[in-house]
PDB file of N, CA and C in Angstrom:
ATOM      1  N   UNK A   1       0.852  -1.178   0.000  1.00  0.00           N
ATOM      2  CA  UNK A   1       0.000   0.000   0.000  1.00  0.00           C
ATOM      3  C   UNK A   1       0.897   1.240   0.000  1.00  0.00           C
ATOM      4  N   UNK A   2       0.652   2.108  -0.941  1.00  0.00           N
ATOM      5  CA  UNK A   2       1.442   3.333  -1.028  1.00  0.00           C
ATOM      6  C   UNK A   2       0.910   4.361  -0.035  1.00  0.00           C
ATOM      7  N   UNK A   3       1.668   5.405   0.146  1.00  0.00           N
ATOM      8  CA  UNK A   3       1.253   6.482   1.052  1.00  0.00           C
ATOM      9  C   UNK A   3      -0.019   7.159   0.546  1.00  0.00           C
ATOM     10  N   UNK A   4      -0.136   7.252  -0.769  1.00  0.00           N
ATOM     11  CA  UNK A   4      -1.331   7.864  -1.352  1.00  0.00           C
ATOM     12  C   UNK A   4      -2.574   7.015  -1.062  1.00  0.00           C
ATOM     13  N   UNK A   5      -2.448   5.695  -1.177  1.00  0.00           N
ATOM     14  CA  UNK A   5      -3.572   4.809  -0.858  1.00  0.00           C
ATOM     15  C   UNK A   5      -3.953   4.924   0.616  1.00  0.00           C
ATOM     16  N   UNK A   6      -2.949   5.015   1.467  1.00  0.00           N
ATOM     17  CA  UNK A   6      -3.201   5.159   2.897  1.00  0.00           C
ATOM     18  C   UNK A   6      -3.948   6.458   3.196  1.00  0.00           C
ATOM     19  N   UNK A   7      -3.505   7.558   2.592  1.00  0.00           N
ATOM     20  CA  UNK A   7      -4.156   8.847   2.810  1.00  0.00           C
ATOM     21  C   UNK A   7      -5.597   8.850   2.300  1.00  0.00           C
ATOM     22  N   UNK A   8      -5.835   8.217   1.161  1.00  0.00           N
ATOM     23  CA  UNK A   8      -7.196   8.130   0.629  1.00  0.00           C
ATOM     24  C   UNK A   8      -8.068   7.316   1.580  1.00  0.00           C
ATOM     25  N   UNK A   9      -7.545   6.211   2.088  1.00  0.00           N
ATOM     26  CA  UNK A   9      -8.305   5.372   3.022  1.00  0.00           C
ATOM     27  C   UNK A   9      -8.643   6.130   4.301  1.00  0.00           C
ATOM     28  N   UNK A  10      -7.670   6.831   4.845  1.00  0.00           N
ATOM     29  CA  UNK A  10      -7.893   7.613   6.066  1.00  0.00           C
ATOM     30  C   UNK A  10      -8.922   8.704   5.812  1.00  0.00           C
ATOM     31  N   UNK A  11      -8.847   9.359   4.668  1.00  0.00           N
ATOM     32  CA  UNK A  11      -9.802  10.419   4.329  1.00  0.00           C
ATOM     33  C   UNK A  11     -11.218   9.867   4.223  1.00  0.00           C
ATOM     34  N   UNK A  12     -11.375   8.722   3.580  1.00  0.00           N
ATOM     35  CA  UNK A  12     -12.704   8.114   3.435  1.00  0.00           C
ATOM     36  C   UNK A  12     -13.264   7.737   4.806  1.00  0.00           C
ATOM     37  N   UNK A  13     -12.440   7.145   5.654  1.00  0.00           N
ATOM     38  CA  UNK A  13     -12.892   6.775   7.005  1.00  0.00           C
ATOM     39  C   UNK A  13     -13.275   8.024   7.794  1.00  0.00           C
ATOM     40  N   UNK A  14     -12.445   9.047   7.715  1.00  0.00           N
ATOM     41  CA  UNK A  14     -12.692  10.294   8.434  1.00  0.00           C
ATOM     42  C   UNK A  14     -14.008  10.936   7.995  1.00  0.00           C
ATOM     43  N   UNK A  15     -14.227  11.004   6.688  1.00  0.00           N
ATOM     44  CA  UNK A  15     -15.465  11.602   6.178  1.00  0.00           C
ATOM     45  C   UNK A  15     -16.693  10.774   6.559  1.00  0.00           C
ATOM     46  N   UNK A  16     -16.544   9.472   6.603  1.00  0.00           N
ATOM     47  CA  UNK A  16     -17.656   8.610   7.010  1.00  0.00           C
ATOM     48  C   UNK A  16     -18.008   8.843   8.474  1.00  0.00           C
ATOM     49  N   UNK A  17     -17.008   8.926   9.326  1.00  0.00           N
ATOM     50  CA  UNK A  17     -17.244   9.156  10.755  1.00  0.00           C
ATOM     51  C   UNK A  17     -17.899  10.513  10.973  1.00  0.00           C
ATOM     52  N   UNK A  18     -17.419  11.542  10.299  1.00  0.00           N
ATOM     53  CA  UNK A  18     -18.003  12.881  10.440  1.00  0.00           C
ATOM     54  C   UNK A  18     -19.459  12.878   9.983  1.00  0.00           C
ATOM     55  N   UNK A  19     -19.734  12.206   8.882  1.00  0.00           N
ATOM     56  CA  UNK A  19     -21.093  12.177   8.338  1.00  0.00           C
ATOM     57  C   UNK A  19     -22.073  11.545   9.317  1.00  0.00           C
ATOM     58  N   UNK A  20     -21.657  10.492   9.992  1.00  0.00           N
ATOM     59  CA  UNK A  20     -22.580   9.788  10.882  1.00  0.00           C
ATOM     60  C   UNK A  20     -22.589  10.334  12.304  1.00  0.00           C
ATOM     61  N   UNK A  21     -21.631  11.135  12.682  1.00  0.00           N
ATOM     62  CA  UNK A  21     -21.631  11.679  14.050  1.00  0.00           C
ATOM     63  C   UNK A  21     -22.536  12.896  14.166  1.00  0.00           C
ATOM     64  N   UNK A  22     -22.664  13.671  13.119  1.00  0.00           N
ATOM     65  CA  UNK A  22     -23.548  14.833  13.026  1.00  0.00           C
ATOM     66  C   UNK A  22     -23.260  15.942  14.037  1.00  0.00           C
ATOM     67  N   UNK A  23     -22.322  15.780  14.914  1.00  0.00           N
ATOM     68  CA  UNK A  23     -21.969  16.812  15.901  1.00  0.00           C
ATOM     69  C   UNK A  23     -23.218  17.388  16.556  1.00  0.00           C
ATOM     70  N   UNK A  24     -24.041  16.535  17.098  1.00  0.00           N
ATOM     71  CA  UNK A  24     -25.310  16.966  17.682  1.00  0.00           C
ATOM     72  C   UNK A  24     -25.133  17.734  18.986  1.00  0.00           C
ATOM     73  N   UNK A  25     -24.195  17.332  19.817  1.00  0.00           N
ATOM     74  CA  UNK A  25     -24.016  17.980  21.112  1.00  0.00           C
ATOM     75  C   UNK A  25     -22.892  18.999  21.017  1.00  0.00           C
ATOM     76  N   UNK A  26     -23.204  20.225  21.411  1.00  0.00           N
ATOM     77  CA  UNK A  26     -22.225  21.314  21.381  1.00  0.00           C
ATOM     78  C   UNK A  26     -22.165  21.912  22.780  1.00  0.00           C
ATOM     79  N   UNK A  27     -20.943  22.088  23.302  1.00  0.00           N
ATOM     80  CA  UNK A  27     -20.766  22.663  24.637  1.00  0.00           C
ATOM     81  C   UNK A  27     -19.962  23.949  24.512  1.00  0.00           C
ATOM     82  N   UNK A  28     -20.502  25.035  25.049  1.00  0.00           N
ATOM     83  CA  UNK A  28     -19.819  26.326  25.053  1.00  0.00           C
ATOM     84  C   UNK A  28     -19.218  26.570  26.432  1.00  0.00           C
ATOM     85  N   UNK A  29     -17.990  27.069  26.461  1.00  0.00           N
ATOM     86  CA  UNK A  29     -17.308  27.415  27.707  1.00  0.00           C
ATOM     87  C   UNK A  29     -16.782  28.846  27.567  1.00  0.00           C
ATOM     88  N   UNK A  30     -17.672  29.847  27.630  1.00  0.00           N
ATOM     89  CA  UNK A  30     -17.209  31.228  27.469  1.00  0.00           C
ATOM     90  C   UNK A  30     -16.495  31.723  28.723  1.00  0.00           C
ATOM     91  N   UNK A  31     -15.609  32.706  28.580  1.00  0.00           N
ATOM     92  CA  UNK A  31     -15.027  33.338  29.766  1.00  0.00           C
ATOM     93  C   UNK A  31     -16.151  33.950  30.603  1.00  0.00           C
ATOM     94  N   UNK A  32     -15.986  34.029  31.920  1.00  0.00           N
ATOM     95  CA  UNK A  32     -17.077  34.515  32.780  1.00  0.00           C
ATOM     96  C   UNK A  32     -17.233  36.033  32.758  1.00  0.00           C
ATOM     97  N   UNK A  33     -17.391  36.585  31.587  1.00  0.00           N
ATOM     98  CA  UNK A  33     -17.593  38.021  31.402  1.00  0.00           C
ATOM     99  C   UNK A  33     -18.883  38.181  30.591  1.00  0.00           C
ATOM    100  N   UNK A  34     -19.736  39.101  30.999  1.00  0.00           N
ATOM    101  CA  UNK A  34     -21.078  39.224  30.435  1.00  0.00           C
ATOM    102  C   UNK A  34     -21.080  39.350  28.916  1.00  0.00           C
ATOM    103  N   UNK A  35     -20.193  40.160  28.354  1.00  0.00           N
ATOM    104  CA  UNK A  35     -20.206  40.360  26.902  1.00  0.00           C
ATOM    105  C   UNK A  35     -19.919  39.059  26.154  1.00  0.00           C
ATOM    106  N   UNK A  36     -18.975  38.275  26.652  1.00  0.00           N
ATOM    107  CA  UNK A  36     -18.666  36.995  26.016  1.00  0.00           C
ATOM    108  C   UNK A  36     -19.839  36.030  26.146  1.00  0.00           C
ATOM    109  N   UNK A  37     -20.454  36.003  27.324  1.00  0.00           N
ATOM    110  CA  UNK A  37     -21.586  35.097  27.546  1.00  0.00           C
ATOM    111  C   UNK A  37     -22.746  35.468  26.631  1.00  0.00           C
ATOM    112  N   UNK A  38     -23.020  36.757  26.482  1.00  0.00           N
ATOM    113  CA  UNK A  38     -24.101  37.187  25.583  1.00  0.00           C
ATOM    114  C   UNK A  38     -23.829  36.739  24.148  1.00  0.00           C
ATOM    115  N   UNK A  39     -22.596  36.927  23.691  1.00  0.00           N
ATOM    116  CA  UNK A  39     -22.234  36.535  22.330  1.00  0.00           C
ATOM    117  C   UNK A  39     -22.376  35.024  22.145  1.00  0.00           C
ATOM    118  N   UNK A  40     -21.796  34.250  23.070  1.00  0.00           N
ATOM    119  CA  UNK A  40     -21.864  32.793  22.968  1.00  0.00           C
ATOM    120  C   UNK A  40     -23.302  32.288  23.066  1.00  0.00           C
ATOM    121  N   UNK A  41     -24.118  32.956  23.877  1.00  0.00           N
ATOM    122  CA  UNK A  41     -25.520  32.552  24.008  1.00  0.00           C
ATOM    123  C   UNK A  41     -26.264  32.730  22.693  1.00  0.00           C
ATOM    124  N   UNK A  42     -26.009  33.832  22.002  1.00  0.00           N
ATOM    125  CA  UNK A  42     -26.665  34.055  20.706  1.00  0.00           C
ATOM    126  C   UNK A  42     -26.320  32.946  19.713  1.00  0.00           C
ATOM    127  N   UNK A  43     -25.048  32.565  19.676  1.00  0.00           N
ATOM    128  CA  UNK A  43     -24.628  31.484  18.778  1.00  0.00           C
ATOM    129  C   UNK A  43     -25.249  30.158  19.234  1.00  0.00           C
ATOM    130  N   UNK A  44     -25.275  29.929  20.546  1.00  0.00           N
ATOM    131  CA  UNK A  44     -25.838  28.691  21.089  1.00  0.00           C
ATOM    132  C   UNK A  44     -27.320  28.557  20.750  1.00  0.00           C
ATOM    133  N   UNK A  45     -28.065  29.646  20.849  1.00  0.00           N
ATOM    134  CA  UNK A  45     -29.498  29.614  20.534  1.00  0.00           C
ATOM    135  C   UNK A  45     -29.716  29.260  19.068  1.00  0.00           C
ATOM    136  N   UNK A  46     -28.918  29.843  18.189  1.00  0.00           N
ATOM    137  CA  UNK A  46     -29.065  29.535  16.763  1.00  0.00           C
ATOM    138  C   UNK A  46     -28.761  28.068  16.480  1.00  0.00           C
ATOM    139  N   UNK A  47     -27.721  27.534  17.127  1.00  0.00           N
ATOM    140  CA  UNK A  47     -27.416  26.115  16.934  1.00  0.00           C
ATOM    141  C   UNK A  47     -28.530  25.228  17.488  1.00  0.00           C
ATOM    142  N   UNK A  48     -29.093  25.621  18.631  1.00  0.00           N
ATOM    143  CA  UNK A  48     -30.209  24.857  19.212  1.00  0.00           C
ATOM    144  C   UNK A  48     -31.416  24.884  18.280  1.00  0.00           C
ATOM    145  N   UNK A  49     -31.663  26.022  17.651  1.00  0.00           N
ATOM    146  CA  UNK A  49     -32.782  26.129  16.709  1.00  0.00           C
ATOM    147  C   UNK A  49     -32.574  25.261  15.467  1.00  0.00           C
ATOM    148  N   UNK A  50     -31.315  24.952  15.167  1.00  0.00           N
ATOM    149  CA  UNK A  50     -31.010  24.074  14.032  1.00  0.00           C
ATOM    150  C   UNK A  50     -31.063  22.594  14.418  1.00  0.00           C
ATOM    151  N   UNK A  51     -31.381  22.317  15.690  1.00  0.00           N
ATOM    152  CA  UNK A  51     -31.546  20.937  16.117  1.00  0.00           C
ATOM    153  C   UNK A  51     -30.422  20.356  16.944  1.00  0.00           C
ATOM    154  N   UNK A  52     -29.430  21.143  17.288  1.00  0.00           N
ATOM    155  CA  UNK A  52     -28.327  20.647  18.105  1.00  0.00           C
ATOM    156  C   UNK A  52     -28.723  20.618  19.579  1.00  0.00           C
ATOM    157  N   UNK A  53     -28.053  19.766  20.334  1.00  0.00           N
ATOM    158  CA  UNK A  53     -28.203  19.713  21.783  1.00  0.00           C
ATOM    159  C   UNK A  53     -27.108  20.617  22.347  1.00  0.00           C
ATOM    160  N   UNK A  54     -27.479  21.817  22.794  1.00  0.00           N
ATOM    161  CA  UNK A  54     -26.492  22.838  23.146  1.00  0.00           C
ATOM    162  C   UNK A  54     -26.457  23.057  24.652  1.00  0.00           C
ATOM    163  N   UNK A  55     -25.243  23.082  25.188  1.00  0.00           N
ATOM    164  CA  UNK A  55     -24.996  23.341  26.602  1.00  0.00           C
ATOM    165  C   UNK A  55     -24.050  24.527  26.705  1.00  0.00           C
ATOM    166  N   UNK A  56     -24.222  25.339  27.752  1.00  0.00           N
ATOM    167  CA  UNK A  56     -23.309  26.450  28.011  1.00  0.00           C
ATOM    168  C   UNK A  56     -22.983  26.447  29.501  1.00  0.00           C
ATOM    169  N   UNK A  57     -21.713  26.595  29.835  1.00  0.00           N
ATOM    170  CA  UNK A  57     -21.329  26.608  31.248  1.00  0.00           C
ATOM    171  C   UNK A  57     -21.273  28.052  31.733  1.00  0.00           C
ATOM    172  N   UNK A  58     -21.889  28.273  32.893  1.00  0.00           N
ATOM    173  CA  UNK A  58     -21.964  29.620  33.459  1.00  0.00           C
ATOM    174  C   UNK A  58     -21.660  29.584  34.943  1.00  0.00           C
ATOM    175  N   UNK A  59     -20.957  30.619  35.443  1.00  0.00           N
ATOM    176  CA  UNK A  59     -20.767  30.701  36.894  1.00  0.00           C
ATOM    177  C   UNK A  59     -22.095  31.013  37.586  1.00  0.00           C
ATOM    178  N   UNK A  60     -22.182  30.647  38.839  1.00  0.00           N
ATOM    179  CA  UNK A  60     -23.428  30.777  39.601  1.00  0.00           C
ATOM    180  C   UNK A  60     -23.969  32.209  39.604  1.00  0.00           C
ATOM    181  N   UNK A  61     -23.086  33.200  39.749  1.00  0.00           N
ATOM    182  CA  UNK A  61     -23.568  34.585  39.836  1.00  0.00           C
ATOM    183  C   UNK A  61     -24.284  35.023  38.558  1.00  0.00           C
ATOM    184  N   UNK A  62     -23.916  34.453  37.411  1.00  0.00           N
ATOM    185  CA  UNK A  62     -24.607  34.804  36.168  1.00  0.00           C
ATOM    186  C   UNK A  62     -25.986  34.158  36.093  1.00  0.00           C
ATOM    187  N   UNK A  63     -26.142  33.014  36.717  1.00  0.00           N
ATOM    188  CA  UNK A  63     -27.467  32.388  36.767  1.00  0.00           C
ATOM    189  C   UNK A  63     -28.417  33.230  37.609  1.00  0.00           C
ATOM    190  N   UNK A  64     -27.889  33.791  38.694  1.00  0.00           N
ATOM    191  CA  UNK A  64     -28.719  34.653  39.538  1.00  0.00           C
ATOM    192  C   UNK A  64     -29.174  35.894  38.783  1.00  0.00           C
ATOM    193  N   UNK A  65     -28.338  36.384  37.873  1.00  0.00           N
ATOM    194  CA  UNK A  65     -28.684  37.571  37.079  1.00  0.00           C
ATOM    195  C   UNK A  65     -29.540  37.212  35.866  1.00  0.00           C
ATOM    196  N   UNK A  66     -29.759  35.916  35.644  1.00  0.00           N
ATOM    197  CA  UNK A  66     -30.617  35.427  34.559  1.00  0.00           C
ATOM    198  C   UNK A  66     -30.171  35.950  33.189  1.00  0.00           C
ATOM    199  N   UNK A  67     -28.891  35.808  32.906  1.00  0.00           N
ATOM    200  CA  UNK A  67     -28.346  36.292  31.635  1.00  0.00           C
ATOM    201  C   UNK A  67     -28.827  35.438  30.461  1.00  0.00           C
ATOM    202  N   UNK A  68     -28.853  34.122  30.636  1.00  0.00           N
ATOM    203  CA  UNK A  68     -29.315  33.231  29.568  1.00  0.00           C
ATOM    204  C   UNK A  68     -30.796  32.954  29.795  1.00  0.00           C
ATOM    205  N   UNK A  69     -31.623  33.539  28.939  1.00  0.00           N
ATOM    206  CA  UNK A  69     -33.074  33.418  29.096  1.00  0.00           C
ATOM    207  C   UNK A  69     -33.682  32.426  28.112  1.00  0.00           C
ATOM    208  N   UNK A  70     -32.888  31.943  27.191  1.00  0.00           N
ATOM    209  CA  UNK A  70     -33.401  31.091  26.122  1.00  0.00           C
ATOM    210  C   UNK A  70     -33.509  29.642  26.589  1.00  0.00           C
ATOM    211  N   UNK A  71     -34.682  29.072  26.418  1.00  0.00           N
ATOM    212  CA  UNK A  71     -34.970  27.727  26.922  1.00  0.00           C
ATOM    213  C   UNK A  71     -34.252  26.595  26.177  1.00  0.00           C
ATOM    214  N   UNK A  72     -33.992  26.702  24.861  1.00  0.00           N
ATOM    215  CA  UNK A  72     -33.378  25.541  24.206  1.00  0.00           C
ATOM    216  C   UNK A  72     -31.923  25.302  24.616  1.00  0.00           C
ATOM    217  N   UNK A  73     -31.295  26.265  25.279  1.00  0.00           N
ATOM    218  CA  UNK A  73     -29.902  26.125  25.698  1.00  0.00           C
ATOM    219  C   UNK A  73     -29.875  25.602  27.130  1.00  0.00           C
ATOM    220  N   UNK A  74     -29.202  24.473  27.325  1.00  0.00           N
ATOM    221  CA  UNK A  74     -29.087  23.894  28.668  1.00  0.00           C
ATOM    222  C   UNK A  74     -27.874  24.501  29.367  1.00  0.00           C
ATOM    223  N   UNK A  75     -27.946  24.618  30.682  1.00  0.00           N
ATOM    224  CA  UNK A  75     -26.906  25.318  31.433  1.00  0.00           C
ATOM    225  C   UNK A  75     -26.175  24.353  32.359  1.00  0.00           C
ATOM    226  N   UNK A  76     -24.843  24.471  32.359  1.00  0.00           N
ATOM    227  CA  UNK A  76     -23.992  23.768  33.307  1.00  0.00           C
ATOM    228  C   UNK A  76     -23.500  24.824  34.292  1.00  0.00           C
ATOM    229  N   UNK A  77     -23.888  24.699  35.538  1.00  0.00           N
ATOM    230  CA  UNK A  77     -23.526  25.701  36.551  1.00  0.00           C
ATOM    231  C   UNK A  77     -22.210  25.317  37.224  1.00  0.00           C
ATOM    232  N   UNK A  78     -21.381  26.317  37.495  1.00  0.00           N
ATOM    233  CA  UNK A  78     -20.149  26.100  38.254  1.00  0.00           C
ATOM    234  C   UNK A  78     -19.848  27.340  39.082  1.00  0.00           C
ATOM    235  N   UNK A  79     -18.933  27.221  40.024  1.00  0.00           N
ATOM    236  CA  UNK A  79     -18.375  28.364  40.730  1.00  0.00           C
ATOM    237  C   UNK A  79     -19.260  29.044  41.742  1.00  0.00           C
ATOM    238  N   UNK A  80     -20.091  28.292  42.446  1.00  0.00           N
ATOM    239  CA  UNK A  80     -20.940  28.910  43.461  1.00  0.00           C
ATOM    240  C   UNK A  80     -20.083  29.583  44.532  1.00  0.00           C
ATOM    241  N   UNK A  81     -18.971  28.954  44.874  1.00  0.00           N
ATOM    242  CA  UNK A  81     -18.090  29.472  45.921  1.00  0.00           C
ATOM    243  C   UNK A  81     -17.181  30.609  45.443  1.00  0.00           C
ATOM    244  N   UNK A  82     -17.149  30.876  44.152  1.00  0.00           N
ATOM    245  CA  UNK A  82     -16.246  31.898  43.618  1.00  0.00           C
ATOM    246  C   UNK A  82     -16.804  33.310  43.724  1.00  0.00           C
ATOM    247  N   UNK A  83     -18.094  33.443  43.847  1.00  0.00           N
ATOM    248  CA  UNK A  83     -18.697  34.777  43.899  1.00  0.00           C
ATOM    249  C   UNK A  83     -18.754  35.395  42.508  1.00  0.00           C
ATOM    250  N   UNK A  84     -18.811  36.719  42.470  1.00  0.00           N
ATOM    251  CA  UNK A  84     -18.904  37.444  41.202  1.00  0.00           C
ATOM    252  C   UNK A  84     -17.499  37.630  40.630  1.00  0.00           C
ATOM    253  N   UNK A  85     -17.104  36.729  39.771  1.00  0.00           N
ATOM    254  CA  UNK A  85     -15.759  36.743  39.189  1.00  0.00           C
ATOM    255  C   UNK A  85     -15.545  37.997  38.355  1.00  0.00           C
ATOM    256  N   UNK A  86     -16.550  38.393  37.606  1.00  0.00           N
ATOM    257  CA  UNK A  86     -16.433  39.552  36.721  1.00  0.00           C
ATOM    258  C   UNK A  86     -16.176  40.826  37.519  1.00  0.00           C
ATOM    259  N   UNK A  87     -16.920  41.035  38.588  1.00  0.00           N
ATOM    260  CA  UNK A  87     -16.738  42.220  39.429  1.00  0.00           C
ATOM    261  C   UNK A  87     -15.347  42.228  40.053  1.00  0.00           C
ATOM    262  N   UNK A  88     -14.917  41.075  40.552  1.00  0.00           N
ATOM    263  CA  UNK A  88     -13.590  40.969  41.148  1.00  0.00           C
ATOM    264  C   UNK A  88     -12.510  41.282  40.110  1.00  0.00           C
ATOM    265  N   UNK A  89     -12.695  40.786  38.910  1.00  0.00           N
ATOM    266  CA  UNK A  89     -11.733  41.023  37.839  1.00  0.00           C
ATOM    267  C   UNK A  89     -11.610  42.512  37.531  1.00  0.00           C
ATOM    268  N   UNK A  90     -12.752  43.183  37.374  1.00  0.00           N
ATOM    269  CA  UNK A  90     -12.720  44.609  37.055  1.00  0.00           C
ATOM    270  C   UNK A  90     -12.167  45.445  38.206  1.00  0.00           C
ATOM    271  N   UNK A  91     -12.466  45.067  39.443  1.00  0.00           N
ATOM    272  CA  UNK A  91     -11.939  45.807  40.598  1.00  0.00           C
ATOM    273  C   UNK A  91     -10.424  45.674  40.702  1.00  0.00           C
ATOM    274  N   UNK A  92      -9.938  44.448  40.608  1.00  0.00           N
ATOM    275  CA  UNK A  92      -8.517  44.191  40.840  1.00  0.00           C
ATOM    276  C   UNK A  92      -7.620  44.611  39.688  1.00  0.00           C
ATOM    277  N   UNK A  93      -8.130  44.614  38.473  1.00  0.00           N
ATOM    278  CA  UNK A  93      -7.287  45.012  37.341  1.00  0.00           C
ATOM    279  C   UNK A  93      -7.465  46.477  36.972  1.00  0.00           C
ATOM    280  N   UNK A  94      -8.576  47.085  37.375  1.00  0.00           N
ATOM    281  CA  UNK A  94      -8.886  48.495  37.080  1.00  0.00           C
ATOM    282  C   UNK A  94      -8.835  48.798  35.584  1.00  0.00           C
ATOM    283  N   UNK A  95      -9.157  47.819  34.769  1.00  0.00           N
ATOM    284  CA  UNK A  95      -9.116  47.995  33.317  1.00  0.00           C
ATOM    285  C   UNK A  95     -10.099  49.075  32.871  1.00  0.00           C
ATOM    286  N   UNK A  96     -11.315  49.032  33.397  1.00  0.00           N
ATOM    287  CA  UNK A  96     -12.317  50.029  32.996  1.00  0.00           C
ATOM    288  C   UNK A  96     -11.955  51.425  33.487  1.00  0.00           C
ATOM    289  N   UNK A  97     -11.447  51.524  34.710  1.00  0.00           N
ATOM    290  CA  UNK A  97     -11.049  52.831  35.238  1.00  0.00           C
ATOM    291  C   UNK A  97      -9.953  53.453  34.381  1.00  0.00           C
ATOM    292  N   UNK A  98      -8.985  52.642  33.996  1.00  0.00           N
ATOM    293  CA  UNK A  98      -7.898  53.138  33.145  1.00  0.00           C
ATOM    294  C   UNK A  98      -8.431  53.567  31.781  1.00  0.00           C
ATOM    295  N   UNK A  99      -9.362  52.801  31.253  1.00  0.00           N
ATOM    296  CA  UNK A  99      -9.933  53.140  29.952  1.00  0.00           C
ATOM    297  C   UNK A  99     -10.647  54.485  30.014  1.00  0.00           C
ATOM    298  N   UNK A 100     -11.538  54.676  31.008  1.00  0.00           N
ATOM    299  CA  UNK A 100     -12.312  55.914  31.093  1.00  0.00           C
ATOM    300  C   UNK A 100     -11.453  57.100  31.510  1.00  0.00           C
ATOM    301  N   UNK A 101     -10.318  56.845  32.149  1.00  0.00           N
ATOM    302  CA  UNK A 101      -9.403  57.928  32.507  1.00  0.00           C
ATOM    303  C   UNK A 101      -8.542  58.336  31.317  1.00  0.00           C
ATOM    304  N   UNK A 102      -8.635  57.596  30.237  1.00  0.00           N
ATOM    305  CA  UNK A 102      -7.869  57.925  29.041  1.00  0.00           C
ATOM    306  C   UNK A 102      -6.444  57.422  29.087  1.00  0.00           C
ATOM    307  N   UNK A 103      -6.120  56.621  30.086  1.00  0.00           N
ATOM    308  CA  UNK A 103      -4.772  56.068  30.174  1.00  0.00           C
ATOM    309  C   UNK A 103      -4.636  54.951  29.144  1.00  0.00           C
ATOM    310  N   UNK A 104      -3.495  54.933  28.530  1.00  0.00           N
ATOM    311  CA  UNK A 104      -3.280  53.847  27.574  1.00  0.00           C
ATOM    312  C   UNK A 104      -2.781  52.641  28.353  1.00  0.00           C
ATOM    313  N   UNK A 105      -3.443  51.547  28.171  1.00  0.00           N
ATOM    314  CA  UNK A 105      -2.962  50.320  28.806  1.00  0.00           C
ATOM    315  C   UNK A 105      -2.680  49.330  27.689  1.00  0.00           C
ATOM    316  N   UNK A 106      -1.436  48.947  27.550  1.00  0.00           N
ATOM    317  CA  UNK A 106      -1.098  48.005  26.483  1.00  0.00           C
ATOM    318  C   UNK A 106      -1.897  46.713  26.635  1.00  0.00           C
ATOM    319  N   UNK A 107      -2.241  46.133  25.534  1.00  0.00           N
ATOM    320  CA  UNK A 107      -3.038  44.905  25.563  1.00  0.00           C
ATOM    321  C   UNK A 107      -2.366  43.801  26.355  1.00  0.00           C
ATOM    322  N   UNK A 108      -1.040  43.704  26.244  1.00  0.00           N
ATOM    323  CA  UNK A 108      -0.327  42.645  26.952  1.00  0.00           C
ATOM    324  C   UNK A 108      -0.489  42.806  28.454  1.00  0.00           C
ATOM    325  N   UNK A 109      -0.387  44.049  28.952  1.00  0.00           N
ATOM    326  CA  UNK A 109      -0.537  44.283  30.390  1.00  0.00           C
ATOM    327  C   UNK A 109      -1.937  43.909  30.854  1.00  0.00           C
ATOM    328  N   UNK A 110      -2.934  44.271  30.092  1.00  0.00           N
ATOM    329  CA  UNK A 110      -4.316  43.949  30.459  1.00  0.00           C
ATOM    330  C   UNK A 110      -4.531  42.439  30.493  1.00  0.00           C
ATOM    331  N   UNK A 111      -4.009  41.751  29.502  1.00  0.00           N
ATOM    332  CA  UNK A 111      -4.140  40.295  29.475  1.00  0.00           C
ATOM    333  C   UNK A 111      -3.395  39.649  30.632  1.00  0.00           C
ATOM    334  N   UNK A 112      -2.217  40.185  30.945  1.00  0.00           N
ATOM    335  CA  UNK A 112      -1.434  39.638  32.054  1.00  0.00           C
ATOM    336  C   UNK A 112      -2.170  39.826  33.377  1.00  0.00           C
ATOM    337  N   UNK A 113      -2.708  41.031  33.596  1.00  0.00           N
ATOM    338  CA  UNK A 113      -3.433  41.313  34.838  1.00  0.00           C
ATOM    339  C   UNK A 113      -4.662  40.419  34.962  1.00  0.00           C
ATOM    340  N   UNK A 114      -5.343  40.201  33.862  1.00  0.00           N
ATOM    341  CA  UNK A 114      -6.515  39.325  33.870  1.00  0.00           C
ATOM    342  C   UNK A 114      -6.105  37.889  34.171  1.00  0.00           C
ATOM    343  N   UNK A 115      -5.034  37.431  33.551  1.00  0.00           N
ATOM    344  CA  UNK A 115      -4.559  36.065  33.789  1.00  0.00           C
ATOM    345  C   UNK A 115      -4.166  35.867  35.248  1.00  0.00           C
ATOM    346  N   UNK A 116      -3.526  36.866  35.845  1.00  0.00           N
ATOM    347  CA  UNK A 116      -3.138  36.778  37.257  1.00  0.00           C
ATOM    348  C   UNK A 116      -4.370  36.606  38.139  1.00  0.00           C
ATOM    349  N   UNK A 117      -5.430  37.347  37.850  1.00  0.00           N
ATOM    350  CA  UNK A 117      -6.659  37.238  38.647  1.00  0.00           C
ATOM    351  C   UNK A 117      -7.294  35.857  38.508  1.00  0.00           C
ATOM    352  N   UNK A 118      -7.299  35.313  37.299  1.00  0.00           N
ATOM    353  CA  UNK A 118      -7.875  33.983  37.115  1.00  0.00           C
ATOM    354  C   UNK A 118      -7.020  32.911  37.781  1.00  0.00           C
ATOM    355  N   UNK A 119      -5.712  33.095  37.788  1.00  0.00           N
ATOM    356  CA  UNK A 119      -4.829  32.131  38.449  1.00  0.00           C
ATOM    357  C   UNK A 119      -5.063  32.148  39.958  1.00  0.00           C
ATOM    358  N   UNK A 120      -5.361  33.315  40.519  1.00  0.00           N
ATOM    359  CA  UNK A 120      -5.624  33.411  41.962  1.00  0.00           C
ATOM    360  C   UNK A 120      -6.812  32.557  42.381  1.00  0.00           C
ATOM    361  N   UNK A 121      -7.825  32.458  41.525  1.00  0.00           N
ATOM    362  CA  UNK A 121      -9.023  31.710  41.907  1.00  0.00           C
ATOM    363  C   UNK A 121      -8.982  30.256  41.459  1.00  0.00           C
ATOM    364  N   UNK A 122      -7.966  29.887  40.687  1.00  0.00           N
ATOM    365  CA  UNK A 122      -7.860  28.500  40.220  1.00  0.00           C
ATOM    366  C   UNK A 122      -7.502  27.589  41.393  1.00  0.00           C
ATOM    367  N   UNK A 123      -8.020  26.366  41.389  1.00  0.00           N
ATOM    368  CA  UNK A 123      -7.723  25.440  42.498  1.00  0.00           C
ATOM    369  C   UNK A 123      -6.292  24.956  42.469  1.00  0.00           C
TER     370      UNK A 123
END
């Protein structure tokens, strides 16, 4: 068997598996920030309307705020003990304060500060 025959065989098997799996279940894991959750929810609702089984993971504080109102999207709850992660993130990094004060904050610094905050709450 030549390499070309092997590649054709693998391609046929791969396409057959994809065709029969249909990717029915889709799980979204957005960052725990409202804007990202809103965006991911819109995409999740459209996929659910197309017949997919759609799940989205949300921290507990977002469930209390009832951000995801669409019934076809199932919710995986996490982080009850973490509190409001988004509020803590904005307080500790002061990203919004710097923005409204007109201070330039390089993207790398903002990402680093955000990563540090998420590492603090990681187990």
